[in-house]
Amino acid sequence: MTELERAPFLAACEIIDWQSVSALATRVRADQQGVAAVAALFSWVRDAIAHTGDAGQGKLTLRASEVAREGTGLCYAKSHLLVALLRASGVPAGLCYQRLSTSDAAASFVLHGLVAVLLPDQRFVRIDPRGNKPGIDVRFVPGLEALAFSPSSPGEADLPGVFARPIPEVVAALAVGGVWHPEQTALPDVAPQDWPATDAQWHTPSEPLLP
């Protein structure tokens, strides 16, 4: 990528407010640089920030600084924090999404939020900081994707593009705030035919994301 193309993936915005977490990024990565810094930041967000849905409780968070302060977030919010920490460390990063089924019995879907990090070989690689639990083992392995989910059912999809900012549907869902409730919190969905979502600067890598 050119410097101009990289710039949006290093920038701050209202939600990816990386200046507010720059001290945290410095502390977490210690003296590590490059891929080692990415690994340290990924592992910290994965393990130190609770996945609100897995915990079954917690505040519905949106901004990176809010996620860090509250110590909890859904997949989207944890991704916002990881992108902010990476950008604070000078590592270009963006957001990407999957569409997943929520039930085997009905055509019900939800977006899942991920992070794409630009590695030194100039390829975006998807990483998933949602957190581990029985049956889910997300890791950062350079050159390999180890994600929580692999879309396979009808209607599921790896949605294309790496976004510099969260898509509006995710922002709207999290901006309501309040406390997470598994039956009352409305999570976002965008059908593949309606993709890409609007109002979020995005990039299509010249090389495909790693399979």
N, C-alpha and C. Protein backbone atom coordinates (compact mmCIF):
# COMPACT_ATOMS: atom_id res chain seq x y z
N MET A 1 0.83 -1.19 0.00
CA MET A 1 0.00 0.00 0.00
C MET A 1 0.87 1.25 0.00
N THR A 2 0.39 2.28 -0.65
CA THR A 2 1.09 3.56 -0.62
C THR A 2 0.82 4.25 0.72
N GLU A 3 1.61 5.28 1.02
CA GLU A 3 1.40 6.02 2.26
C GLU A 3 0.00 6.62 2.30
N LEU A 4 -0.48 7.09 1.14
CA LEU A 4 -1.83 7.66 1.08
C LEU A 4 -2.88 6.61 1.39
N GLU A 5 -2.68 5.40 0.90
CA GLU A 5 -3.63 4.32 1.16
C GLU A 5 -3.58 3.86 2.61
N ARG A 6 -2.40 3.93 3.21
CA ARG A 6 -2.23 3.49 4.59
C ARG A 6 -2.82 4.49 5.59
N ALA A 7 -2.86 5.76 5.20
CA ALA A 7 -3.22 6.82 6.14
C ALA A 7 -4.54 6.60 6.86
N PRO A 8 -5.64 6.19 6.19
CA PRO A 8 -6.90 6.00 6.93
C PRO A 8 -6.81 4.90 7.99
N PHE A 9 -5.88 3.97 7.80
CA PHE A 9 -5.76 2.84 8.72
C PHE A 9 -4.78 3.12 9.86
N LEU A 10 -4.34 4.38 9.93
CA LEU A 10 -3.54 4.87 11.05
C LEU A 10 -4.22 6.04 11.74
N ALA A 11 -5.35 6.48 11.19
CA ALA A 11 -6.01 7.70 11.68
C ALA A 11 -6.88 7.42 12.89
N ALA A 12 -7.16 8.50 13.61
CA ALA A 12 -8.10 8.44 14.73
C ALA A 12 -9.46 8.92 14.26
N CYS A 13 -10.50 8.46 14.91
CA CYS A 13 -11.85 8.97 14.70
C CYS A 13 -12.55 8.93 16.06
N GLU A 14 -13.81 9.29 16.09
CA GLU A 14 -14.52 9.37 17.35
C GLU A 14 -14.53 8.04 18.09
N ILE A 15 -14.58 6.95 17.35
CA ILE A 15 -14.68 5.62 17.96
C ILE A 15 -13.31 4.96 18.10
N ILE A 16 -12.49 5.07 17.08
CA ILE A 16 -11.12 4.57 17.16
C ILE A 16 -10.26 5.72 17.69
N ASP A 17 -10.47 6.08 18.94
CA ASP A 17 -9.80 7.23 19.56
C ASP A 17 -8.46 6.79 20.15
N TRP A 18 -7.52 6.50 19.26
CA TRP A 18 -6.31 5.83 19.70
C TRP A 18 -5.42 6.72 20.59
N GLN A 19 -5.54 8.05 20.45
CA GLN A 19 -4.74 8.90 21.33
C GLN A 19 -5.09 8.67 22.80
N SER A 20 -6.33 8.29 23.06
CA SER A 20 -6.77 8.08 24.44
C SER A 20 -6.24 6.77 25.04
N VAL A 21 -5.75 5.89 24.18
CA VAL A 21 -5.24 4.60 24.69
C VAL A 21 -3.76 4.41 24.33
N SER A 22 -3.10 5.49 23.94
CA SER A 22 -1.70 5.35 23.52
C SER A 22 -0.81 4.92 24.68
N ALA A 23 -1.07 5.43 25.89
CA ALA A 23 -0.26 5.02 27.04
C ALA A 23 -0.47 3.54 27.34
N LEU A 24 -1.71 3.08 27.20
CA LEU A 24 -2.00 1.66 27.39
C LEU A 24 -1.26 0.82 26.35
N ALA A 25 -1.26 1.26 25.10
CA ALA A 25 -0.55 0.53 24.05
C ALA A 25 0.93 0.41 24.37
N THR A 26 1.52 1.50 24.83
CA THR A 26 2.94 1.49 25.18
C THR A 26 3.21 0.50 26.31
N ARG A 27 2.34 0.49 27.31
CA ARG A 27 2.54 -0.40 28.45
C ARG A 27 2.38 -1.87 28.04
N VAL A 28 1.40 -2.16 27.22
CA VAL A 28 1.13 -3.56 26.87
C VAL A 28 2.21 -4.13 25.96
N ARG A 29 2.62 -3.36 24.98
CA ARG A 29 3.61 -3.92 24.04
C ARG A 29 5.02 -3.86 24.59
N ALA A 30 5.22 -3.10 25.71
CA ALA A 30 6.53 -2.95 26.33
C ALA A 30 7.51 -2.43 25.28
N ASP A 31 8.65 -3.09 25.10
CA ASP A 31 9.63 -2.63 24.12
C ASP A 31 9.52 -3.38 22.80
N GLN A 32 8.48 -4.15 22.65
CA GLN A 32 8.35 -4.96 21.44
C GLN A 32 7.90 -4.12 20.25
N GLN A 33 8.35 -4.53 19.08
CA GLN A 33 8.03 -3.83 17.85
C GLN A 33 7.54 -4.83 16.81
N GLY A 34 6.94 -4.31 15.74
CA GLY A 34 6.56 -5.14 14.61
C GLY A 34 5.58 -6.23 14.97
N VAL A 35 5.84 -7.42 14.46
CA VAL A 35 4.94 -8.56 14.66
C VAL A 35 4.84 -8.92 16.14
N ALA A 36 5.92 -8.78 16.88
CA ALA A 36 5.89 -9.09 18.31
C ALA A 36 4.95 -8.14 19.05
N ALA A 37 4.92 -6.87 18.65
CA ALA A 37 4.00 -5.92 19.26
C ALA A 37 2.56 -6.26 18.93
N VAL A 38 2.31 -6.66 17.68
CA VAL A 38 0.96 -7.08 17.28
C VAL A 38 0.50 -8.25 18.14
N ALA A 39 1.39 -9.23 18.33
CA ALA A 39 1.04 -10.40 19.13
C ALA A 39 0.71 -10.01 20.56
N ALA A 40 1.50 -9.11 21.14
CA ALA A 40 1.27 -8.71 22.52
C ALA A 40 -0.05 -7.97 22.68
N LEU A 41 -0.34 -7.05 21.78
CA LEU A 41 -1.58 -6.28 21.85
C LEU A 41 -2.80 -7.17 21.62
N PHE A 42 -2.70 -8.06 20.64
CA PHE A 42 -3.79 -9.00 20.38
C PHE A 42 -4.09 -9.85 21.61
N SER A 43 -3.06 -10.45 22.19
CA SER A 43 -3.26 -11.34 23.33
C SER A 43 -3.86 -10.59 24.51
N TRP A 44 -3.44 -9.34 24.70
CA TRP A 44 -3.97 -8.57 25.83
C TRP A 44 -5.46 -8.29 25.66
N VAL A 45 -5.86 -7.82 24.48
CA VAL A 45 -7.28 -7.54 24.26
C VAL A 45 -8.10 -8.83 24.34
N ARG A 46 -7.60 -9.88 23.76
CA ARG A 46 -8.31 -11.17 23.80
C ARG A 46 -8.54 -11.63 25.23
N ASP A 47 -7.51 -11.52 26.07
CA ASP A 47 -7.57 -12.15 27.39
C ASP A 47 -7.97 -11.19 28.52
N ALA A 48 -7.60 -9.92 28.40
CA ALA A 48 -7.82 -8.99 29.52
C ALA A 48 -9.17 -8.28 29.43
N ILE A 49 -9.74 -8.19 28.24
CA ILE A 49 -11.04 -7.53 28.07
C ILE A 49 -12.10 -8.63 27.93
N ALA A 50 -13.06 -8.62 28.81
CA ALA A 50 -14.10 -9.65 28.80
C ALA A 50 -15.00 -9.49 27.58
N HIS A 51 -15.37 -10.61 26.98
CA HIS A 51 -16.42 -10.58 25.95
C HIS A 51 -17.76 -10.52 26.69
N THR A 52 -18.48 -9.43 26.50
CA THR A 52 -19.68 -9.17 27.29
C THR A 52 -20.70 -10.29 27.16
N GLY A 53 -20.85 -10.82 25.96
CA GLY A 53 -21.81 -11.90 25.76
C GLY A 53 -21.40 -13.17 26.46
N ASP A 54 -20.11 -13.49 26.41
CA ASP A 54 -19.63 -14.69 27.11
C ASP A 54 -19.80 -14.54 28.62
N ALA A 55 -19.52 -13.34 29.12
CA ALA A 55 -19.65 -13.09 30.56
C ALA A 55 -21.11 -13.07 31.00
N GLY A 56 -22.00 -12.74 30.05
CA GLY A 56 -23.43 -12.67 30.37
C GLY A 56 -23.84 -11.41 31.09
N GLN A 57 -22.90 -10.45 31.18
CA GLN A 57 -23.20 -9.20 31.86
C GLN A 57 -22.16 -8.17 31.47
N GLY A 58 -22.50 -6.91 31.71
CA GLY A 58 -21.56 -5.84 31.44
C GLY A 58 -22.19 -4.73 30.61
N LYS A 59 -21.49 -3.63 30.54
CA LYS A 59 -21.96 -2.47 29.80
C LYS A 59 -21.77 -2.68 28.30
N LEU A 60 -22.69 -2.15 27.51
CA LEU A 60 -22.56 -2.18 26.06
C LEU A 60 -21.63 -1.03 25.66
N THR A 61 -20.41 -1.35 25.24
CA THR A 61 -19.40 -0.34 24.98
C THR A 61 -19.20 -0.15 23.48
N LEU A 62 -18.64 1.01 23.11
CA LEU A 62 -18.46 1.37 21.71
C LEU A 62 -17.07 1.90 21.43
N ARG A 63 -16.71 3.04 22.05
CA ARG A 63 -15.41 3.67 21.78
C ARG A 63 -14.28 2.84 22.36
N ALA A 64 -13.13 2.90 21.68
CA ALA A 64 -11.97 2.15 22.16
C ALA A 64 -11.63 2.50 23.59
N SER A 65 -11.62 3.80 23.90
CA SER A 65 -11.28 4.22 25.27
C SER A 65 -12.30 3.72 26.27
N GLU A 66 -13.57 3.64 25.87
CA GLU A 66 -14.62 3.14 26.75
C GLU A 66 -14.44 1.65 27.02
N VAL A 67 -14.08 0.91 25.98
CA VAL A 67 -13.84 -0.53 26.14
C VAL A 67 -12.70 -0.76 27.12
N ALA A 68 -11.63 0.01 26.97
CA ALA A 68 -10.49 -0.12 27.89
C ALA A 68 -10.88 0.23 29.31
N ARG A 69 -11.67 1.28 29.47
CA ARG A 69 -12.06 1.73 30.81
C ARG A 69 -12.98 0.73 31.49
N GLU A 70 -13.97 0.21 30.75
CA GLU A 70 -14.95 -0.70 31.33
C GLU A 70 -14.45 -2.14 31.41
N GLY A 71 -13.45 -2.47 30.60
CA GLY A 71 -12.91 -3.83 30.63
C GLY A 71 -13.82 -4.87 30.03
N THR A 72 -14.74 -4.44 29.16
CA THR A 72 -15.67 -5.38 28.55
C THR A 72 -16.13 -4.85 27.20
N GLY A 73 -16.55 -5.76 26.33
CA GLY A 73 -17.08 -5.36 25.03
C GLY A 73 -17.50 -6.58 24.23
N LEU A 74 -18.44 -6.38 23.33
CA LEU A 74 -18.77 -7.42 22.36
C LEU A 74 -17.65 -7.49 21.32
N CYS A 75 -17.76 -8.42 20.39
CA CYS A 75 -16.69 -8.61 19.40
C CYS A 75 -16.34 -7.32 18.68
N TYR A 76 -17.36 -6.53 18.32
CA TYR A 76 -17.11 -5.28 17.61
C TYR A 76 -16.29 -4.32 18.48
N ALA A 77 -16.70 -4.17 19.72
CA ALA A 77 -16.05 -3.23 20.62
C ALA A 77 -14.61 -3.66 20.93
N LYS A 78 -14.40 -4.94 21.16
CA LYS A 78 -13.04 -5.43 21.39
C LYS A 78 -12.18 -5.17 20.15
N SER A 79 -12.78 -5.30 18.97
CA SER A 79 -12.04 -5.00 17.74
C SER A 79 -11.71 -3.52 17.65
N HIS A 80 -12.63 -2.64 18.07
CA HIS A 80 -12.35 -1.21 18.07
C HIS A 80 -11.13 -0.91 18.95
N LEU A 81 -11.07 -1.54 20.11
CA LEU A 81 -9.94 -1.30 21.01
C LEU A 81 -8.64 -1.82 20.41
N LEU A 82 -8.66 -3.01 19.85
CA LEU A 82 -7.43 -3.57 19.29
C LEU A 82 -6.93 -2.71 18.13
N VAL A 83 -7.83 -2.26 17.26
CA VAL A 83 -7.42 -1.39 16.16
C VAL A 83 -6.80 -0.11 16.71
N ALA A 84 -7.40 0.47 17.75
CA ALA A 84 -6.85 1.69 18.35
C ALA A 84 -5.46 1.45 18.93
N LEU A 85 -5.26 0.35 19.62
CA LEU A 85 -3.95 0.05 20.20
C LEU A 85 -2.91 -0.18 19.11
N LEU A 86 -3.30 -0.84 18.03
CA LEU A 86 -2.38 -1.06 16.91
C LEU A 86 -2.00 0.26 16.26
N ARG A 87 -2.99 1.11 16.01
CA ARG A 87 -2.69 2.40 15.39
C ARG A 87 -1.83 3.27 16.30
N ALA A 88 -2.09 3.21 17.59
CA ALA A 88 -1.27 3.95 18.54
C ALA A 88 0.18 3.48 18.50
N SER A 89 0.39 2.26 18.04
CA SER A 89 1.73 1.68 17.95
C SER A 89 2.31 1.82 16.55
N GLY A 90 1.61 2.56 15.68
CA GLY A 90 2.11 2.78 14.32
C GLY A 90 1.86 1.64 13.37
N VAL A 91 0.96 0.73 13.73
CA VAL A 91 0.66 -0.43 12.88
C VAL A 91 -0.68 -0.20 12.19
N PRO A 92 -0.73 -0.14 10.85
CA PRO A 92 -2.00 0.06 10.16
C PRO A 92 -2.95 -1.11 10.43
N ALA A 93 -4.19 -0.77 10.74
CA ALA A 93 -5.18 -1.80 11.05
C ALA A 93 -6.56 -1.26 10.73
N GLY A 94 -7.48 -2.19 10.43
CA GLY A 94 -8.85 -1.81 10.13
C GLY A 94 -9.81 -2.87 10.65
N LEU A 95 -11.05 -2.72 10.26
CA LEU A 95 -12.13 -3.58 10.74
C LEU A 95 -12.71 -4.36 9.57
N CYS A 96 -13.08 -5.60 9.84
CA CYS A 96 -13.76 -6.40 8.83
C CYS A 96 -14.82 -7.25 9.53
N TYR A 97 -15.66 -7.89 8.74
CA TYR A 97 -16.86 -8.50 9.30
C TYR A 97 -17.19 -9.83 8.62
N GLN A 98 -17.82 -10.68 9.41
CA GLN A 98 -18.45 -11.89 8.92
C GLN A 98 -19.95 -11.80 9.18
N ARG A 99 -20.71 -12.55 8.41
CA ARG A 99 -22.14 -12.70 8.69
C ARG A 99 -22.36 -14.15 9.10
N LEU A 100 -22.94 -14.34 10.28
CA LEU A 100 -23.08 -15.67 10.86
C LEU A 100 -24.53 -15.94 11.23
N SER A 101 -24.90 -17.19 11.17
CA SER A 101 -26.24 -17.61 11.58
C SER A 101 -26.31 -17.65 13.10
N THR A 102 -27.45 -17.24 13.63
CA THR A 102 -27.64 -17.29 15.08
C THR A 102 -28.46 -18.49 15.52
N SER A 103 -29.02 -19.24 14.57
CA SER A 103 -29.88 -20.35 14.93
C SER A 103 -29.93 -21.35 13.78
N ASP A 104 -29.95 -22.61 14.12
CA ASP A 104 -30.12 -23.66 13.11
C ASP A 104 -31.56 -23.77 12.65
N ALA A 105 -32.47 -23.21 13.42
CA ALA A 105 -33.89 -23.42 13.16
C ALA A 105 -34.52 -22.30 12.34
N ALA A 106 -33.88 -21.15 12.24
CA ALA A 106 -34.49 -20.03 11.54
C ALA A 106 -33.42 -19.23 10.81
N ALA A 107 -33.86 -18.50 9.80
CA ALA A 107 -32.95 -17.67 9.01
C ALA A 107 -32.68 -16.37 9.76
N SER A 108 -31.87 -16.46 10.79
CA SER A 108 -31.53 -15.31 11.61
C SER A 108 -30.01 -15.15 11.61
N PHE A 109 -29.55 -13.92 11.36
CA PHE A 109 -28.12 -13.70 11.18
C PHE A 109 -27.66 -12.49 11.99
N VAL A 110 -26.36 -12.45 12.22
CA VAL A 110 -25.75 -11.34 12.94
C VAL A 110 -24.35 -11.13 12.38
N LEU A 111 -23.89 -9.89 12.40
CA LEU A 111 -22.52 -9.62 12.02
C LEU A 111 -21.57 -9.98 13.15
N HIS A 112 -20.39 -10.42 12.78
CA HIS A 112 -19.31 -10.67 13.73
C HIS A 112 -18.15 -9.76 13.35
N GLY A 113 -17.60 -9.04 14.32
CA GLY A 113 -16.55 -8.08 14.06
C GLY A 113 -15.16 -8.66 14.26
N LEU A 114 -14.27 -8.34 13.33
CA LEU A 114 -12.88 -8.80 13.34
C LEU A 114 -11.96 -7.62 13.10
N VAL A 115 -10.66 -7.88 13.22
CA VAL A 115 -9.63 -6.89 12.93
C VAL A 115 -8.79 -7.40 11.77
N ALA A 116 -8.39 -6.48 10.89
CA ALA A 116 -7.39 -6.80 9.86
C ALA A 116 -6.16 -5.95 10.12
N VAL A 117 -5.03 -6.59 10.23
CA VAL A 117 -3.77 -5.89 10.52
C VAL A 117 -2.85 -6.02 9.31
N LEU A 118 -2.20 -4.91 8.96
CA LEU A 118 -1.28 -4.91 7.84
C LEU A 118 0.10 -5.32 8.33
N LEU A 119 0.55 -6.48 7.90
CA LEU A 119 1.85 -7.00 8.34
C LEU A 119 2.97 -6.47 7.44
N PRO A 120 4.21 -6.65 7.83
CA PRO A 120 5.33 -6.09 7.06
C PRO A 120 5.37 -6.53 5.60
N ASP A 121 4.79 -7.68 5.27
CA ASP A 121 4.78 -8.11 3.87
C ASP A 121 3.68 -7.43 3.06
N GLN A 122 2.99 -6.44 3.71
CA GLN A 122 1.98 -5.62 3.05
C GLN A 122 0.70 -6.38 2.72
N ARG A 123 0.43 -7.41 3.49
CA ARG A 123 -0.85 -8.11 3.37
C ARG A 123 -1.66 -7.90 4.64
N PHE A 124 -2.95 -7.67 4.44
CA PHE A 124 -3.86 -7.64 5.57
C PHE A 124 -4.15 -9.07 6.01
N VAL A 125 -4.05 -9.32 7.29
CA VAL A 125 -4.38 -10.62 7.87
C VAL A 125 -5.45 -10.40 8.93
N ARG A 126 -6.51 -11.21 8.87
CA ARG A 126 -7.59 -11.08 9.85
C ARG A 126 -7.22 -11.75 11.16
N ILE A 127 -7.51 -11.07 12.27
CA ILE A 127 -7.33 -11.64 13.59
C ILE A 127 -8.60 -11.37 14.39
N ASP A 128 -8.89 -12.24 15.34
CA ASP A 128 -10.17 -12.19 16.05
C ASP A 128 -9.92 -12.09 17.55
N PRO A 129 -10.08 -10.90 18.13
CA PRO A 129 -9.78 -10.73 19.56
C PRO A 129 -10.96 -11.01 20.48
N ARG A 130 -12.00 -11.70 20.00
CA ARG A 130 -13.23 -11.86 20.79
C ARG A 130 -13.00 -12.54 22.13
N GLY A 131 -11.99 -13.41 22.22
CA GLY A 131 -11.74 -14.15 23.45
C GLY A 131 -12.05 -15.62 23.28
N ASN A 132 -11.39 -16.43 24.06
CA ASN A 132 -11.55 -17.88 23.96
C ASN A 132 -12.55 -18.41 24.99
N LYS A 133 -13.10 -19.54 24.65
CA LYS A 133 -13.98 -20.30 25.54
C LYS A 133 -14.03 -21.71 24.98
N PRO A 134 -14.63 -22.66 25.66
CA PRO A 134 -14.67 -24.02 25.12
C PRO A 134 -15.21 -24.04 23.69
N GLY A 135 -14.42 -24.62 22.79
CA GLY A 135 -14.81 -24.71 21.39
C GLY A 135 -14.29 -23.57 20.53
N ILE A 136 -13.71 -22.53 21.15
CA ILE A 136 -13.17 -21.39 20.40
C ILE A 136 -11.74 -21.15 20.84
N ASP A 137 -10.82 -21.13 19.87
CA ASP A 137 -9.41 -20.92 20.16
C ASP A 137 -8.86 -19.91 19.15
N VAL A 138 -9.00 -18.61 19.48
CA VAL A 138 -8.50 -17.58 18.58
C VAL A 138 -7.07 -17.24 18.96
N ARG A 139 -6.22 -17.10 17.94
CA ARG A 139 -4.80 -16.86 18.16
C ARG A 139 -4.29 -15.91 17.09
N PHE A 140 -3.11 -15.35 17.34
CA PHE A 140 -2.40 -14.60 16.30
C PHE A 140 -1.19 -15.41 15.89
N VAL A 141 -1.22 -15.88 14.65
CA VAL A 141 -0.10 -16.63 14.08
C VAL A 141 0.23 -15.97 12.75
N PRO A 142 1.36 -15.27 12.64
CA PRO A 142 1.68 -14.59 11.38
C PRO A 142 1.61 -15.53 10.18
N GLY A 143 0.89 -15.09 9.16
CA GLY A 143 0.75 -15.90 7.95
C GLY A 143 -0.36 -16.91 8.01
N LEU A 144 -1.13 -16.92 9.11
CA LEU A 144 -2.20 -17.90 9.28
C LEU A 144 -3.37 -17.23 9.99
N GLU A 145 -4.59 -17.61 9.59
CA GLU A 145 -5.76 -17.11 10.30
C GLU A 145 -6.27 -18.18 11.26
N ALA A 146 -6.49 -17.78 12.49
CA ALA A 146 -7.06 -18.67 13.51
C ALA A 146 -8.23 -17.93 14.12
N LEU A 147 -9.37 -17.97 13.42
CA LEU A 147 -10.55 -17.20 13.80
C LEU A 147 -11.52 -18.05 14.59
N ALA A 148 -12.47 -17.38 15.23
CA ALA A 148 -13.46 -18.09 16.03
C ALA A 148 -14.45 -18.85 15.16
N PHE A 149 -14.78 -18.29 13.99
CA PHE A 149 -15.84 -18.86 13.17
C PHE A 149 -15.42 -18.94 11.71
N SER A 150 -15.98 -19.93 11.02
CA SER A 150 -15.76 -20.09 9.58
C SER A 150 -17.12 -20.22 8.92
N PRO A 151 -17.59 -19.18 8.22
CA PRO A 151 -18.92 -19.24 7.61
C PRO A 151 -19.06 -20.42 6.66
N SER A 152 -20.14 -21.17 6.83
CA SER A 152 -20.34 -22.34 5.99
C SER A 152 -21.81 -22.59 5.67
N SER A 153 -22.72 -22.10 6.49
CA SER A 153 -24.15 -22.35 6.28
C SER A 153 -24.71 -21.35 5.27
N PRO A 154 -25.83 -21.69 4.63
CA PRO A 154 -26.45 -20.75 3.69
C PRO A 154 -26.75 -19.42 4.36
N GLY A 155 -26.38 -18.34 3.68
CA GLY A 155 -26.59 -17.01 4.22
C GLY A 155 -25.40 -16.46 4.99
N GLU A 156 -24.50 -17.34 5.44
CA GLU A 156 -23.30 -16.88 6.12
C GLU A 156 -22.27 -16.43 5.08
N ALA A 157 -21.35 -15.55 5.49
CA ALA A 157 -20.37 -15.04 4.53
C ALA A 157 -19.21 -14.36 5.23
N ASP A 158 -18.03 -14.45 4.62
CA ASP A 158 -16.93 -13.55 4.92
C ASP A 158 -17.17 -12.31 4.08
N LEU A 159 -17.52 -11.21 4.70
CA LEU A 159 -17.88 -10.01 3.96
C LEU A 159 -16.61 -9.26 3.55
N PRO A 160 -16.56 -8.77 2.31
CA PRO A 160 -15.30 -8.23 1.79
C PRO A 160 -14.98 -6.84 2.31
N GLY A 161 -13.70 -6.49 2.19
CA GLY A 161 -13.24 -5.15 2.52
C GLY A 161 -12.67 -5.04 3.91
N VAL A 162 -11.73 -4.10 4.05
CA VAL A 162 -11.17 -3.72 5.34
C VAL A 162 -11.56 -2.27 5.57
N PHE A 163 -12.26 -1.99 6.65
CA PHE A 163 -12.84 -0.68 6.89
C PHE A 163 -11.99 0.14 7.84
N ALA A 164 -11.79 1.41 7.50
CA ALA A 164 -11.03 2.30 8.37
C ALA A 164 -11.83 2.72 9.59
N ARG A 165 -13.15 2.73 9.45
CA ARG A 165 -14.03 3.11 10.55
C ARG A 165 -15.12 2.06 10.72
N PRO A 166 -15.69 1.94 11.90
CA PRO A 166 -16.79 0.98 12.09
C PRO A 166 -17.96 1.32 11.16
N ILE A 167 -18.63 0.31 10.66
CA ILE A 167 -19.76 0.56 9.77
C ILE A 167 -20.94 1.11 10.58
N PRO A 168 -21.82 1.88 9.96
CA PRO A 168 -22.91 2.53 10.68
C PRO A 168 -23.82 1.57 11.43
N GLU A 169 -24.06 0.39 10.88
CA GLU A 169 -24.95 -0.57 11.54
C GLU A 169 -24.40 -1.01 12.89
N VAL A 170 -23.10 -1.17 12.98
CA VAL A 170 -22.47 -1.55 14.25
C VAL A 170 -22.51 -0.39 15.23
N VAL A 171 -22.19 0.80 14.74
CA VAL A 171 -22.22 1.98 15.60
C VAL A 171 -23.61 2.18 16.19
N ALA A 172 -24.64 2.06 15.36
CA ALA A 172 -26.01 2.27 15.83
C ALA A 172 -26.39 1.25 16.90
N ALA A 173 -25.96 0.00 16.72
CA ALA A 173 -26.32 -1.04 17.68
C ALA A 173 -25.65 -0.83 19.03
N LEU A 174 -24.40 -0.36 19.03
CA LEU A 174 -23.67 -0.19 20.28
C LEU A 174 -23.92 1.15 20.94
N ALA A 175 -24.30 2.14 20.15
CA ALA A 175 -24.44 3.49 20.68
C ALA A 175 -25.62 3.63 21.65
N VAL A 176 -26.52 2.66 21.67
CA VAL A 176 -27.65 2.73 22.60
C VAL A 176 -27.17 2.63 24.04
N GLY A 177 -25.99 2.05 24.25
CA GLY A 177 -25.43 1.97 25.59
C GLY A 177 -26.25 1.07 26.50
N GLY A 178 -26.15 1.34 27.77
CA GLY A 178 -26.87 0.52 28.74
C GLY A 178 -26.15 -0.78 29.03
N VAL A 179 -26.90 -1.73 29.54
CA VAL A 179 -26.35 -3.00 29.97
C VAL A 179 -26.71 -4.09 28.97
N TRP A 180 -25.75 -4.94 28.69
CA TRP A 180 -25.98 -6.06 27.78
C TRP A 180 -27.06 -6.98 28.32
N HIS A 181 -27.97 -7.37 27.41
CA HIS A 181 -28.99 -8.36 27.75
C HIS A 181 -29.14 -9.28 26.55
N PRO A 182 -28.94 -10.59 26.72
CA PRO A 182 -28.92 -11.49 25.57
C PRO A 182 -30.21 -11.51 24.77
N GLU A 183 -31.34 -11.18 25.38
CA GLU A 183 -32.60 -11.22 24.66
C GLU A 183 -33.09 -9.84 24.24
N GLN A 184 -32.55 -8.79 24.80
CA GLN A 184 -33.04 -7.45 24.50
C GLN A 184 -32.08 -6.60 23.70
N THR A 185 -30.80 -6.95 23.69
CA THR A 185 -29.82 -6.19 22.92
C THR A 185 -29.90 -6.58 21.46
N ALA A 186 -30.21 -5.63 20.59
CA ALA A 186 -30.34 -5.88 19.16
C ALA A 186 -28.97 -5.79 18.50
N LEU A 187 -28.51 -6.88 17.91
CA LEU A 187 -27.22 -6.91 17.24
C LEU A 187 -27.40 -6.69 15.73
N PRO A 188 -26.40 -6.13 15.07
CA PRO A 188 -26.56 -5.73 13.67
C PRO A 188 -26.46 -6.89 12.69
N ASP A 189 -27.08 -6.72 11.55
CA ASP A 189 -26.98 -7.67 10.45
C ASP A 189 -27.04 -6.88 9.14
N VAL A 190 -26.22 -7.27 8.19
CA VAL A 190 -26.27 -6.72 6.83
C VAL A 190 -26.17 -7.90 5.88
N ALA A 191 -27.14 -8.04 4.98
CA ALA A 191 -27.14 -9.14 4.02
C ALA A 191 -26.04 -8.92 2.98
N PRO A 192 -25.46 -10.00 2.46
CA PRO A 192 -24.39 -9.84 1.46
C PRO A 192 -24.78 -8.98 0.27
N GLN A 193 -26.04 -9.05 -0.16
CA GLN A 193 -26.45 -8.25 -1.32
C GLN A 193 -26.49 -6.77 -1.01
N ASP A 194 -26.50 -6.40 0.27
CA ASP A 194 -26.50 -5.00 0.67
C ASP A 194 -25.12 -4.49 1.07
N TRP A 195 -24.12 -5.31 0.84
CA TRP A 195 -22.74 -4.98 1.22
C TRP A 195 -22.03 -4.36 0.03
N PRO A 196 -21.09 -3.41 0.18
CA PRO A 196 -20.59 -2.92 1.45
C PRO A 196 -21.52 -1.89 2.07
N ALA A 197 -21.45 -1.77 3.37
CA ALA A 197 -22.22 -0.76 4.07
C ALA A 197 -21.69 0.63 3.70
N THR A 198 -22.51 1.64 3.90
CA THR A 198 -22.12 2.99 3.49
C THR A 198 -21.40 3.73 4.61
N ASP A 199 -20.81 4.87 4.25
CA ASP A 199 -20.24 5.80 5.23
C ASP A 199 -19.06 5.25 6.01
N ALA A 200 -18.35 4.32 5.47
CA ALA A 200 -17.14 3.84 6.14
C ALA A 200 -16.08 3.65 5.06
N GLN A 201 -15.04 4.46 5.10
CA GLN A 201 -13.98 4.35 4.11
C GLN A 201 -13.40 2.94 4.18
N TRP A 202 -13.28 2.30 3.03
CA TRP A 202 -12.83 0.92 3.06
C TRP A 202 -11.88 0.65 1.92
N HIS A 203 -11.20 -0.45 2.03
CA HIS A 203 -10.13 -0.81 1.11
C HIS A 203 -10.30 -2.28 0.72
N THR A 204 -10.16 -2.54 -0.57
CA THR A 204 -10.14 -3.93 -1.04
C THR A 204 -8.70 -4.30 -1.30
N PRO A 205 -8.12 -5.21 -0.52
CA PRO A 205 -6.72 -5.56 -0.73
C PRO A 205 -6.48 -6.09 -2.14
N SER A 206 -5.32 -5.73 -2.72
CA SER A 206 -4.97 -6.25 -4.05
C SER A 206 -4.76 -7.76 -4.00
N GLU A 207 -4.30 -8.23 -2.85
CA GLU A 207 -4.22 -9.67 -2.60
C GLU A 207 -5.34 -10.04 -1.65
N PRO A 208 -5.96 -11.21 -1.84
CA PRO A 208 -7.05 -11.58 -0.95
C PRO A 208 -6.58 -11.78 0.49
N LEU A 209 -7.50 -11.56 1.42
CA LEU A 209 -7.17 -11.89 2.80
C LEU A 209 -6.84 -13.37 2.88
N LEU A 210 -5.96 -13.71 3.80
CA LEU A 210 -5.53 -15.10 3.91
C LEU A 210 -6.74 -15.99 4.16
N PRO A 211 -6.80 -17.17 3.51
CA PRO A 211 -7.94 -18.07 3.72
C PRO A 211 -7.90 -18.68 5.09
